[in-house]
N, C-alpha and C. Protein backbone atom coordinates (compact mmCIF):
# COMPACT_ATOMS: atom_id res chain seq x y z
N UNK A 1 145.39 59.23 116.78
CA UNK A 1 146.05 58.38 115.83
C UNK A 1 146.82 57.33 116.63
N UNK A 2 146.53 56.07 116.44
CA UNK A 2 147.16 55.03 117.24
C UNK A 2 148.62 54.83 116.88
N UNK A 3 149.39 54.42 117.88
CA UNK A 3 150.80 54.12 117.67
C UNK A 3 151.05 52.67 118.02
N UNK A 4 152.16 52.16 117.60
CA UNK A 4 152.51 50.78 117.87
C UNK A 4 153.80 50.73 118.65
N UNK A 5 153.74 50.14 119.85
CA UNK A 5 154.94 49.95 120.66
C UNK A 5 155.66 48.74 120.09
N UNK A 6 156.84 48.94 119.55
CA UNK A 6 157.52 47.86 118.84
C UNK A 6 158.37 46.98 119.73
N UNK A 7 158.57 47.35 120.98
CA UNK A 7 159.44 46.56 121.83
C UNK A 7 160.91 46.85 121.59
N UNK A 8 161.19 47.80 120.74
CA UNK A 8 162.57 48.20 120.42
C UNK A 8 162.95 49.42 121.23
N UNK A 9 163.32 49.21 122.47
CA UNK A 9 163.86 50.27 123.32
C UNK A 9 162.94 51.49 123.42
N UNK A 10 161.68 51.27 123.74
CA UNK A 10 160.75 52.37 123.94
C UNK A 10 160.33 53.09 122.68
N UNK A 11 160.46 52.45 121.53
CA UNK A 11 160.15 53.09 120.25
C UNK A 11 158.67 52.90 119.92
N UNK A 12 158.03 54.00 119.51
CA UNK A 12 156.64 53.96 119.06
C UNK A 12 156.61 54.48 117.63
N UNK A 13 156.00 53.72 116.73
CA UNK A 13 155.88 54.11 115.33
C UNK A 13 154.43 54.48 115.06
N UNK A 14 154.23 55.66 114.47
CA UNK A 14 152.88 56.11 114.12
C UNK A 14 152.82 56.33 112.61
N UNK A 15 151.73 55.91 112.02
CA UNK A 15 151.50 56.12 110.59
C UNK A 15 150.24 56.95 110.45
N UNK A 16 150.37 58.14 109.89
CA UNK A 16 149.24 59.06 109.72
C UNK A 16 148.49 58.67 108.45
N UNK A 17 147.28 58.13 108.58
CA UNK A 17 146.54 57.70 107.39
C UNK A 17 146.14 58.86 106.47
N UNK A 18 146.11 60.08 107.00
CA UNK A 18 145.77 61.24 106.16
C UNK A 18 146.93 61.66 105.28
N UNK A 19 148.15 61.32 105.68
CA UNK A 19 149.33 61.69 104.89
C UNK A 19 149.82 60.58 103.98
N UNK A 20 149.47 59.34 104.31
CA UNK A 20 149.93 58.20 103.51
C UNK A 20 149.26 58.22 102.14
N UNK A 21 150.07 58.13 101.08
CA UNK A 21 149.52 58.15 99.72
C UNK A 21 149.69 56.81 99.01
N UNK A 22 149.94 55.77 99.77
CA UNK A 22 150.08 54.40 99.25
C UNK A 22 151.18 54.29 98.20
N UNK A 23 152.25 55.02 98.40
CA UNK A 23 153.39 55.00 97.48
C UNK A 23 154.17 53.70 97.60
N UNK A 24 154.11 53.08 98.76
CA UNK A 24 154.72 51.78 99.06
C UNK A 24 156.25 51.81 99.12
N UNK A 25 156.85 52.96 99.23
CA UNK A 25 158.31 53.02 99.37
C UNK A 25 158.75 52.42 100.70
N UNK A 26 157.91 52.56 101.72
CA UNK A 26 158.26 51.96 103.02
C UNK A 26 158.28 50.44 102.93
N UNK A 27 157.40 49.88 102.12
CA UNK A 27 157.36 48.42 101.98
C UNK A 27 158.57 47.90 101.22
N UNK A 28 159.14 48.73 100.36
CA UNK A 28 160.35 48.36 99.63
C UNK A 28 161.57 48.47 100.54
N UNK A 29 161.59 49.52 101.37
CA UNK A 29 162.74 49.74 102.26
C UNK A 29 162.78 48.74 103.41
N UNK A 30 161.61 48.31 103.86
CA UNK A 30 161.54 47.35 104.98
C UNK A 30 160.47 46.30 104.68
N UNK A 31 160.75 45.40 103.73
CA UNK A 31 159.75 44.39 103.36
C UNK A 31 159.39 43.49 104.53
N UNK A 32 158.11 43.21 104.64
CA UNK A 32 157.63 42.36 105.71
C UNK A 32 157.38 43.09 107.02
N UNK A 33 157.86 44.32 107.12
CA UNK A 33 157.63 45.13 108.31
C UNK A 33 156.50 46.13 108.04
N UNK A 34 156.64 46.88 106.96
CA UNK A 34 155.58 47.78 106.51
C UNK A 34 154.86 47.11 105.35
N UNK A 35 153.54 47.10 105.38
CA UNK A 35 152.73 46.57 104.29
C UNK A 35 151.58 47.53 104.05
N UNK A 36 151.01 47.48 102.86
CA UNK A 36 149.84 48.30 102.56
C UNK A 36 148.59 47.51 102.88
N UNK A 37 147.67 48.15 103.60
CA UNK A 37 146.38 47.53 103.89
C UNK A 37 145.62 47.39 102.57
N UNK A 38 145.09 46.22 102.30
CA UNK A 38 144.42 45.96 101.03
C UNK A 38 143.15 46.78 100.85
N UNK A 39 142.45 47.06 101.94
CA UNK A 39 141.19 47.80 101.84
C UNK A 39 141.40 49.31 101.75
N UNK A 40 142.28 49.84 102.60
CA UNK A 40 142.45 51.30 102.66
C UNK A 40 143.62 51.81 101.84
N UNK A 41 144.59 50.96 101.55
CA UNK A 41 145.78 51.39 100.83
C UNK A 41 146.77 52.13 101.71
N UNK A 42 146.52 52.18 103.01
CA UNK A 42 147.38 52.88 103.95
C UNK A 42 148.42 51.90 104.49
N UNK A 43 149.63 52.38 104.67
CA UNK A 43 150.70 51.55 105.22
C UNK A 43 150.38 51.19 106.67
N UNK A 44 150.70 49.97 107.03
CA UNK A 44 150.54 49.50 108.41
C UNK A 44 151.78 48.71 108.79
N UNK A 45 152.01 48.59 110.09
CA UNK A 45 153.12 47.78 110.58
C UNK A 45 152.67 46.34 110.72
N UNK A 46 153.49 45.44 110.21
CA UNK A 46 153.21 44.03 110.35
C UNK A 46 154.49 43.39 110.87
N UNK A 47 154.37 42.41 111.71
CA UNK A 47 155.55 41.76 112.30
C UNK A 47 156.43 42.76 113.04
N UNK A 48 155.79 43.70 113.73
CA UNK A 48 156.57 44.74 114.41
C UNK A 48 157.44 44.19 115.52
N UNK A 49 157.06 43.07 116.09
CA UNK A 49 157.88 42.47 117.15
C UNK A 49 159.21 41.97 116.59
N UNK A 50 159.24 41.63 115.30
CA UNK A 50 160.46 41.14 114.66
C UNK A 50 161.27 42.26 114.02
N UNK A 51 160.74 43.48 114.00
CA UNK A 51 161.40 44.59 113.32
C UNK A 51 162.60 45.09 114.10
N UNK A 52 163.65 45.41 113.38
CA UNK A 52 164.81 46.05 113.99
C UNK A 52 164.64 47.56 113.90
N UNK A 53 165.40 48.29 114.70
CA UNK A 53 165.36 49.75 114.62
C UNK A 53 165.74 50.22 113.22
N UNK A 54 166.69 49.55 112.61
CA UNK A 54 167.13 49.93 111.27
C UNK A 54 165.99 49.80 110.26
N UNK A 55 165.21 48.73 110.37
CA UNK A 55 164.09 48.54 109.46
C UNK A 55 163.01 49.59 109.68
N UNK A 56 162.72 49.89 110.94
CA UNK A 56 161.69 50.90 111.24
C UNK A 56 162.09 52.26 110.68
N UNK A 57 163.36 52.64 110.89
CA UNK A 57 163.83 53.92 110.40
C UNK A 57 163.95 53.94 108.88
N UNK A 58 164.34 52.82 108.26
CA UNK A 58 164.46 52.76 106.81
C UNK A 58 163.10 53.02 106.16
N UNK A 59 162.06 52.40 106.67
CA UNK A 59 160.72 52.62 106.13
C UNK A 59 160.26 54.06 106.32
N UNK A 60 160.53 54.63 107.48
CA UNK A 60 160.13 56.01 107.75
C UNK A 60 160.88 56.99 106.86
N UNK A 61 162.18 56.76 106.68
CA UNK A 61 162.97 57.65 105.81
C UNK A 61 162.53 57.58 104.36
N UNK A 62 162.04 56.42 103.94
CA UNK A 62 161.64 56.25 102.54
C UNK A 62 160.30 56.91 102.22
N UNK A 63 159.52 57.23 103.22
CA UNK A 63 158.18 57.80 102.99
C UNK A 63 158.28 59.21 102.43
N UNK A 64 157.73 59.45 101.23
CA UNK A 64 157.86 60.77 100.61
C UNK A 64 157.01 61.85 101.28
N UNK A 65 156.00 61.47 102.04
CA UNK A 65 155.13 62.45 102.69
C UNK A 65 155.36 62.55 104.19
N UNK A 66 156.33 61.83 104.70
CA UNK A 66 156.65 61.79 106.12
C UNK A 66 155.43 61.42 106.95
N UNK A 67 154.68 60.44 106.45
CA UNK A 67 153.50 59.95 107.16
C UNK A 67 153.89 59.06 108.33
N UNK A 68 155.11 58.58 108.35
CA UNK A 68 155.58 57.69 109.41
C UNK A 68 156.44 58.49 110.37
N UNK A 69 156.01 58.55 111.63
CA UNK A 69 156.81 59.22 112.65
C UNK A 69 157.27 58.19 113.67
N UNK A 70 158.43 58.44 114.23
CA UNK A 70 159.00 57.53 115.22
C UNK A 70 159.31 58.32 116.48
N UNK A 71 158.82 57.80 117.59
CA UNK A 71 159.08 58.39 118.90
C UNK A 71 159.87 57.39 119.74
N UNK A 72 160.75 57.91 120.57
CA UNK A 72 161.47 57.06 121.51
C UNK A 72 161.38 57.70 122.88
N UNK A 73 160.86 56.92 123.83
CA UNK A 73 160.65 57.38 125.19
C UNK A 73 159.82 58.66 125.23
N UNK A 74 158.79 58.74 124.37
CA UNK A 74 157.88 59.88 124.36
C UNK A 74 158.37 61.10 123.62
N UNK A 75 159.52 61.01 122.98
CA UNK A 75 160.07 62.16 122.25
C UNK A 75 160.21 61.81 120.78
N UNK A 76 159.73 62.69 119.92
CA UNK A 76 159.80 62.44 118.48
C UNK A 76 161.25 62.51 118.02
N UNK A 77 161.69 61.43 117.33
CA UNK A 77 163.06 61.39 116.83
C UNK A 77 163.12 61.39 115.30
N UNK A 78 162.01 61.05 114.64
CA UNK A 78 161.98 61.12 113.18
C UNK A 78 160.56 61.34 112.71
N UNK A 79 160.33 62.19 111.72
CA UNK A 79 161.28 63.17 111.19
C UNK A 79 161.52 64.27 112.21
N UNK A 80 162.67 64.89 112.11
CA UNK A 80 163.02 65.94 113.06
C UNK A 80 162.09 67.13 112.86
N UNK A 81 161.79 67.78 113.96
CA UNK A 81 161.01 69.01 113.91
C UNK A 81 162.01 70.16 113.79
N UNK A 82 161.96 70.84 112.68
CA UNK A 82 162.91 71.92 112.43
C UNK A 82 162.34 73.24 112.94
N UNK A 83 163.21 74.07 113.48
CA UNK A 83 162.77 75.38 113.93
C UNK A 83 162.66 76.30 112.73
N UNK A 84 161.73 77.25 112.76
CA UNK A 84 161.57 78.16 111.62
C UNK A 84 162.82 79.03 111.45
N UNK A 85 163.10 79.35 110.18
CA UNK A 85 164.28 80.16 109.89
C UNK A 85 163.95 81.65 109.88
N UNK A 86 162.71 81.99 109.54
CA UNK A 86 162.36 83.39 109.38
C UNK A 86 161.13 83.72 110.20
N UNK A 87 161.02 84.99 110.61
CA UNK A 87 159.83 85.46 111.29
C UNK A 87 159.74 85.09 112.75
N UNK A 88 160.85 84.69 113.34
CA UNK A 88 160.86 84.31 114.74
C UNK A 88 161.75 85.29 115.49
N UNK A 89 161.33 85.66 116.70
CA UNK A 89 162.15 86.56 117.50
C UNK A 89 163.50 85.94 117.80
N UNK A 90 164.53 86.74 117.67
CA UNK A 90 165.88 86.31 117.99
C UNK A 90 166.07 86.43 119.50
N UNK A 91 166.33 85.33 120.20
CA UNK A 91 166.44 85.41 121.66
C UNK A 91 167.60 86.27 122.13
N UNK A 92 168.63 86.44 121.28
CA UNK A 92 169.79 87.25 121.67
C UNK A 92 169.50 88.73 121.61
N UNK A 93 168.76 89.16 120.58
CA UNK A 93 168.52 90.60 120.41
C UNK A 93 167.11 91.00 120.79
N UNK A 94 166.19 90.03 120.88
CA UNK A 94 164.82 90.35 121.24
C UNK A 94 164.03 90.93 120.09
N UNK A 95 164.58 90.88 118.89
CA UNK A 95 163.85 91.42 117.74
C UNK A 95 163.59 90.32 116.74
N UNK A 96 162.56 90.54 115.91
CA UNK A 96 162.23 89.59 114.87
C UNK A 96 163.15 89.76 113.69
N UNK A 97 163.16 88.79 112.82
CA UNK A 97 164.03 88.85 111.64
C UNK A 97 163.26 89.24 110.39
N UNK A 98 162.08 89.80 110.56
CA UNK A 98 161.26 90.19 109.40
C UNK A 98 161.75 91.45 108.79
């Protein structure tokens, strides 16, 4: 899945076409930065060189399916990857929580 280097401090924005449902909330949150492709209906970055970090994050936060991910310096910063709450070994006790 291709990413776009925006020139904003090592930020890479990726849009997963399998998750995008053409809801267009990203285009409302950051008009002129995110647009829907007319043929596929998938969101794409346009004018990314002019985009601010605030606009990139606003569009990503508005996406209901979290199809837009943002990485900075090779590390994913949005959406956050949450650790599982249940069924994982507790490192302090060495036992699972099941």
